[in-house]
Amino acid sequence: MEFFKVATARKNVLASFKICLVVGTILNLINQGPTLYDGGSISWIHLIMNYAVPFCVSSFSAAKNQMAMKCD
């Protein structure tokens, strides 16, 4: 429960959100850029996942790091 509390702290959520905007945009350009350039349609599930995964990884890493610092 402590881990979830740390992961959802305002500071961590804002930092993770900033990271997911940058990384998610780059991933979407890489993964869907050619399709969009050729006039294809957006895969919305992939678009969402390209932002959600970096957000989750960043949140997890921040919380794990802060929990480890508390134990030291």
Protein backbone atom coordinates (compact mmCIF):
# COMPACT_ATOMS: atom_id res chain seq x y z
CA MET A 1 0.00 0.00 0.00
CA GLU A 2 2.89 2.34 0.77
CA PHE A 3 4.32 1.72 -2.70
CA PHE A 4 1.03 2.76 -4.36
CA LYS A 5 0.88 5.87 -2.19
CA VAL A 6 4.39 6.88 -3.25
CA ALA A 7 3.71 6.07 -6.93
CA THR A 8 0.58 8.23 -6.97
CA ALA A 9 2.11 11.20 -5.16
CA ARG A 10 1.53 14.44 -7.06
CA LYS A 11 5.24 14.99 -7.69
CA ASN A 12 5.68 11.52 -9.20
CA VAL A 13 2.52 11.70 -11.29
CA LEU A 14 3.52 15.05 -12.81
CA ALA A 15 7.04 13.85 -13.59
CA SER A 16 5.71 10.62 -15.11
CA PHE A 17 3.18 12.56 -17.17
CA LYS A 18 5.90 14.78 -18.63
CA ILE A 19 8.00 11.74 -19.50
CA CYS A 20 5.07 9.92 -21.10
CA LEU A 21 4.27 12.95 -23.27
CA VAL A 22 7.77 13.01 -24.72
CA VAL A 23 8.37 9.26 -24.98
CA GLY A 24 4.79 8.47 -26.07
CA THR A 25 4.92 11.04 -28.84
CA ILE A 26 8.21 9.67 -30.12
CA LEU A 27 6.87 6.10 -30.00
CA ASN A 28 3.71 7.11 -31.85
CA LEU A 29 5.73 8.84 -34.55
CA ILE A 30 7.92 5.76 -34.94
CA ASN A 31 5.09 3.21 -34.81
CA GLN A 32 2.31 5.04 -36.64
CA GLY A 33 4.14 7.70 -38.62
CA PRO A 34 4.48 5.73 -41.87
CA THR A 35 0.83 4.67 -41.77
CA LEU A 36 -0.35 8.22 -41.20
CA TYR A 37 1.98 9.53 -43.89
CA ASP A 38 0.45 7.08 -46.37
CA GLY A 39 -3.05 8.25 -45.43
CA GLY A 40 -3.95 5.35 -43.14
CA SER A 41 -5.93 5.59 -39.95
CA ILE A 42 -4.71 5.83 -36.38
CA SER A 43 -4.72 2.71 -34.24
CA TRP A 44 -6.22 4.21 -31.09
CA ILE A 45 -5.33 1.28 -28.83
CA HIS A 46 -1.68 1.57 -29.89
CA LEU A 47 -1.77 5.33 -29.44
CA ILE A 48 -3.03 4.93 -25.87
CA MET A 49 -0.55 2.17 -25.07
CA ASN A 50 2.35 4.23 -26.42
CA TYR A 51 1.57 6.81 -23.73
CA ALA A 52 0.44 4.45 -20.96
CA VAL A 53 3.51 2.22 -20.93
CA PRO A 54 6.08 5.02 -20.41
CA PHE A 55 3.82 6.53 -17.73
CA CYS A 56 3.62 3.23 -15.84
CA VAL A 57 7.34 2.52 -16.17
CA SER A 58 8.25 6.00 -14.99
CA SER A 59 5.83 5.84 -12.05
CA PHE A 60 7.07 2.41 -11.02
CA SER A 61 10.72 3.46 -11.26
CA ALA A 62 10.19 6.63 -9.24
CA ALA A 63 8.29 4.80 -6.50
CA LYS A 64 10.81 1.95 -6.36
CA ASN A 65 13.68 4.44 -6.10
CA GLN A 66 11.98 6.42 -3.32
CA MET A 67 11.12 3.26 -1.40
CA ALA A 68 14.74 2.08 -1.67
CA MET A 69 15.98 5.44 -0.39
CA LYS A 70 13.69 5.13 2.66
CA CYS A 71 15.17 1.71 3.50
CA ASP A 72 18.77 2.94 3.37
